[in-house]
């Protein structure tokens, strides 16, 4: 992805969050030079902040995700914080590909805007898509979902995803962008994503202009 495209998407995300009066921490708006000397911080060590990916597909509008990690622990460093929180924007028909987590459990929450469609499968011992129905908790009530079945979350609704539960999601066509929250156990995108079809988690960046704000993957270069 070009840095100019990333900058434009971050600016759009800031405007979208503001339209819902969802406030980010002050360091979300720091310029790159303000990060110098901040390497020994929870933000940098635990990869908090701006995160954006096209999953290596080169077509962000069709297959991508922009999010901001607000808080997170660190399993490798035995950080005392055992939870994480993210805020995301999912566009109409913009797919977050099929995956599960070995360690993380999570609530996915529609915080506002359009509707969020989540497709679900269980997983086999060989980590393939399962062919058995799933019992899933939607706002604390159990629903039975057939393999590949869909749950549509309207604003205010949430779903609990267990370890090993394959899921992909996208915004329902015609309903607009979705403000999506995630509350979970500790998040580790380097080791805890099992994509059904192997793909990149973080983008390769063409530095055609300077960063507006740093992505969490930019910290090693700038701090």
Protein backbone atom coordinates (compact mmCIF):
# COMPACT_ATOMS: atom_id res chain seq x y z
CA UNK A 1 0.00 0.00 0.00
CA UNK A 2 1.14 3.56 -0.63
CA UNK A 3 1.73 5.69 2.45
CA UNK A 4 -0.44 8.38 0.87
CA UNK A 5 -3.35 5.92 0.79
CA UNK A 6 -2.72 4.95 4.42
CA UNK A 7 -2.62 8.62 5.46
CA UNK A 8 -5.95 9.29 3.73
CA UNK A 9 -7.55 6.24 5.39
CA UNK A 10 -6.33 7.32 8.83
CA UNK A 11 -7.74 10.82 8.29
CA UNK A 12 -11.06 9.30 7.19
CA UNK A 13 -11.02 7.06 10.29
CA UNK A 14 -10.42 10.04 12.59
CA UNK A 15 -13.40 11.83 11.04
CA UNK A 16 -15.58 8.71 11.34
CA UNK A 17 -14.68 8.17 15.01
CA UNK A 18 -15.35 11.86 15.72
CA UNK A 19 -18.79 11.62 14.08
CA UNK A 20 -19.70 9.09 16.80
CA UNK A 21 -17.93 11.15 19.48
CA UNK A 22 -15.56 8.25 20.06
CA UNK A 23 -12.46 9.85 21.54
CA UNK A 24 -8.97 8.43 21.03
CA UNK A 25 -6.05 9.04 23.42
CA UNK A 26 -3.91 12.13 22.73
CA UNK A 27 -0.96 10.12 21.38
CA UNK A 28 -3.20 8.87 18.55
CA UNK A 29 -2.63 12.26 16.91
CA UNK A 30 1.13 12.58 17.44
CA UNK A 31 3.37 13.37 14.50
CA UNK A 32 6.18 10.86 13.80
CA UNK A 33 8.86 13.03 15.43
CA UNK A 34 6.94 13.04 18.73
CA UNK A 35 7.60 9.29 19.10
CA UNK A 36 11.36 9.61 19.43
CA UNK A 37 12.49 8.27 22.81
CA UNK A 38 9.14 6.61 23.53
CA UNK A 39 10.31 3.03 22.89
CA UNK A 40 10.18 2.08 26.57
CA UNK A 41 6.42 2.46 26.79
CA UNK A 42 3.45 0.12 27.00
CA UNK A 43 2.13 1.64 23.77
CA UNK A 44 5.18 0.58 21.75
CA UNK A 45 5.91 -2.73 23.48
CA UNK A 46 2.31 -3.96 23.21
CA UNK A 47 1.65 -2.61 19.68
CA UNK A 48 -1.09 -0.16 20.62
CA UNK A 49 -2.28 2.48 18.18
CA UNK A 50 -3.08 2.67 14.48
CA UNK A 51 -3.18 -0.61 12.57
CA UNK A 52 -4.12 -1.07 8.94
CA UNK A 53 -3.90 -3.98 6.54
CA UNK A 54 -4.89 -5.10 3.07
CA UNK A 55 -3.88 -8.70 3.92
CA UNK A 56 -1.43 -8.56 1.03
CA UNK A 57 -4.25 -8.44 -1.54
CA UNK A 58 -3.58 -4.89 -2.74
CA UNK A 59 -7.29 -4.02 -2.70
CA UNK A 60 -8.12 -2.40 0.65
CA UNK A 61 -11.76 -1.61 -0.17
CA UNK A 62 -12.47 -5.27 -0.93
CA UNK A 63 -10.19 -6.98 1.58
CA UNK A 64 -8.84 -4.92 4.43
CA UNK A 65 -9.30 -3.43 7.87
CA UNK A 66 -8.36 -0.25 9.73
CA UNK A 67 -8.37 -0.24 13.51
CA UNK A 68 -6.93 1.38 16.60
CA UNK A 69 -5.75 -0.73 19.54
CA UNK A 70 -6.59 1.23 22.67
CA UNK A 71 -5.21 -1.17 25.29
CA UNK A 72 -3.44 -4.52 25.31
CA UNK A 73 -1.26 -6.77 27.44
CA UNK A 74 1.76 -8.75 26.29
CA UNK A 75 1.91 -12.52 26.73
CA UNK A 76 5.61 -12.81 25.93
CA UNK A 77 6.56 -10.15 28.48
CA UNK A 78 4.16 -11.49 31.13
CA UNK A 79 2.47 -8.10 31.28
CA UNK A 80 -0.10 -7.94 34.12
CA UNK A 81 -2.84 -6.66 31.83
CA UNK A 82 -4.85 -9.68 30.65
CA UNK A 83 -7.20 -7.95 28.23
CA UNK A 84 -7.30 -5.86 25.08
CA UNK A 85 -9.64 -3.36 23.41
CA UNK A 86 -9.86 -2.19 19.80
CA UNK A 87 -12.04 0.10 17.76
CA UNK A 88 -12.41 -0.72 14.06
CA UNK A 89 -14.08 0.50 10.89
CA UNK A 90 -15.56 -2.07 8.53
CA UNK A 91 -16.83 -0.92 5.14
CA UNK A 92 -19.64 -2.40 3.07
CA UNK A 93 -18.47 -5.70 1.54
CA UNK A 94 -14.96 -5.13 2.93
CA UNK A 95 -13.86 -8.58 4.08
CA UNK A 96 -11.76 -9.46 7.08
CA UNK A 97 -10.76 -12.96 5.93
CA UNK A 98 -11.63 -16.28 7.56
CA UNK A 99 -9.48 -16.95 10.62
CA UNK A 100 -9.46 -18.11 14.21
CA UNK A 101 -7.28 -17.60 17.28
CA UNK A 102 -5.50 -20.29 19.26
CA UNK A 103 -5.36 -18.19 22.44
CA UNK A 104 -7.64 -15.16 22.22
CA UNK A 105 -11.33 -15.05 23.04
CA UNK A 106 -13.23 -11.92 22.04
CA UNK A 107 -16.45 -10.00 21.95
CA UNK A 108 -17.13 -8.29 18.61
CA UNK A 109 -19.51 -5.37 19.11
CA UNK A 110 -21.43 -3.25 16.60
CA UNK A 111 -20.97 0.20 18.12
CA UNK A 112 -22.94 2.04 15.44
CA UNK A 113 -23.44 2.81 11.77
CA UNK A 114 -24.36 -0.08 9.47
CA UNK A 115 -24.78 -3.80 10.09
CA UNK A 116 -21.91 -6.24 10.58
CA UNK A 117 -22.17 -9.67 8.95
CA UNK A 118 -20.16 -12.48 10.57
CA UNK A 119 -19.77 -15.88 8.90
CA UNK A 120 -18.87 -18.77 11.22
CA UNK A 121 -17.38 -22.26 11.18
CA UNK A 122 -15.96 -24.51 13.84
CA UNK A 123 -12.52 -26.02 13.28
CA UNK A 124 -11.30 -29.60 13.07
CA UNK A 125 -8.24 -31.01 14.89
CA UNK A 126 -6.37 -30.46 11.59
CA UNK A 127 -7.51 -26.80 11.67
CA UNK A 128 -9.79 -27.12 8.66
CA UNK A 129 -13.32 -25.72 8.50
CA UNK A 130 -15.67 -27.73 10.68
CA UNK A 131 -18.91 -29.28 9.41
CA UNK A 132 -20.84 -29.29 12.69
CA UNK A 133 -23.36 -26.69 13.90
CA UNK A 134 -22.05 -24.10 16.37
CA UNK A 135 -23.60 -22.77 19.55
CA UNK A 136 -22.65 -19.08 19.78
CA UNK A 137 -23.52 -16.41 22.31
CA UNK A 138 -25.11 -13.25 20.88
CA UNK A 139 -25.61 -10.66 23.63
CA UNK A 140 -25.69 -13.49 26.16
CA UNK A 141 -28.28 -15.62 24.36
CA UNK A 142 -27.30 -18.84 22.60
CA UNK A 143 -27.93 -19.25 18.90
CA UNK A 144 -27.27 -22.35 16.81
CA UNK A 145 -25.47 -21.59 13.56
CA UNK A 146 -24.91 -24.04 10.71
CA UNK A 147 -21.39 -24.29 9.20
CA UNK A 148 -20.87 -21.14 7.12
CA UNK A 149 -23.95 -19.56 8.69
CA UNK A 150 -24.23 -15.83 9.21
CA UNK A 151 -24.98 -13.68 12.22
CA UNK A 152 -25.94 -10.08 11.40
CA UNK A 153 -25.14 -7.67 14.20
CA UNK A 154 -27.17 -4.46 14.19
CA UNK A 155 -25.92 -1.44 16.18
CA UNK A 156 -25.63 -2.33 19.85
CA UNK A 157 -25.42 -6.10 19.32
CA UNK A 158 -22.38 -8.26 20.05
CA UNK A 159 -21.11 -11.81 19.63
CA UNK A 160 -18.68 -13.87 21.71
CA UNK A 161 -16.09 -15.81 19.70
CA UNK A 162 -14.29 -18.72 21.31
CA UNK A 163 -10.82 -20.07 20.58
CA UNK A 164 -10.75 -22.16 17.40
CA UNK A 165 -13.95 -20.61 16.02
CA UNK A 166 -13.38 -19.61 12.39
CA UNK A 167 -14.93 -16.25 11.49
CA UNK A 168 -14.87 -13.64 8.79
CA UNK A 169 -16.84 -10.40 8.72
CA UNK A 170 -17.84 -7.51 6.48
CA UNK A 171 -20.27 -4.62 6.37
CA UNK A 172 -23.74 -5.43 5.03
CA UNK A 173 -24.25 -3.85 1.58
CA UNK A 174 -26.41 -0.76 1.53
CA UNK A 175 -26.12 -0.07 5.27
CA UNK A 176 -22.96 2.05 5.42
CA UNK A 177 -19.69 1.76 7.29
CA UNK A 178 -19.74 0.06 10.68
CA UNK A 179 -18.07 1.21 13.89
CA UNK A 180 -16.91 -2.07 15.42
CA UNK A 181 -15.54 -2.61 18.92
CA UNK A 182 -13.52 -5.56 20.16
CA UNK A 183 -13.02 -6.51 23.79
CA UNK A 184 -10.82 -9.56 24.23
CA UNK A 185 -8.14 -11.39 26.09
CA UNK A 186 -4.60 -10.28 25.20
CA UNK A 187 -4.14 -9.78 21.46
CA UNK A 188 -1.02 -10.99 19.62
CA UNK A 189 -1.27 -10.53 15.86
CA UNK A 190 2.23 -11.92 15.34
CA UNK A 191 1.53 -15.43 16.67
CA UNK A 192 -2.20 -15.95 17.33
CA UNK A 193 -3.93 -15.64 13.93
CA UNK A 194 -4.71 -18.84 12.04
CA UNK A 195 -5.93 -17.72 8.60
CA UNK A 196 -7.73 -20.46 6.69
CA UNK A 197 -5.90 -19.31 3.56
CA UNK A 198 -2.34 -18.13 4.36
CA UNK A 199 -1.88 -14.40 3.89
CA UNK A 200 -0.02 -11.41 5.24
CA UNK A 201 -1.33 -9.73 8.39
CA UNK A 202 0.56 -6.46 7.90
CA UNK A 203 1.01 -4.50 4.64
CA UNK A 204 4.13 -3.71 2.67
CA UNK A 205 4.33 0.08 2.41
CA UNK A 206 5.48 2.23 -0.51
CA UNK A 207 6.78 5.38 1.21
CA UNK A 208 5.55 7.88 -1.38
CA UNK A 209 5.05 10.53 1.32
CA UNK A 210 5.74 11.02 5.04
CA UNK A 211 3.43 9.35 7.58
CA UNK A 212 0.59 11.41 8.98
CA UNK A 213 0.58 9.21 12.11
CA UNK A 214 2.57 6.08 12.81
CA UNK A 215 1.16 2.59 12.46
CA UNK A 216 2.02 0.19 15.26
CA UNK A 217 4.39 -1.53 12.82
CA UNK A 218 6.23 1.78 12.26
CA UNK A 219 7.43 2.15 15.85
CA UNK A 220 10.77 0.32 15.48
CA UNK A 221 11.80 2.71 12.72
CA UNK A 222 10.86 5.95 14.49
CA UNK A 223 11.22 5.53 18.27
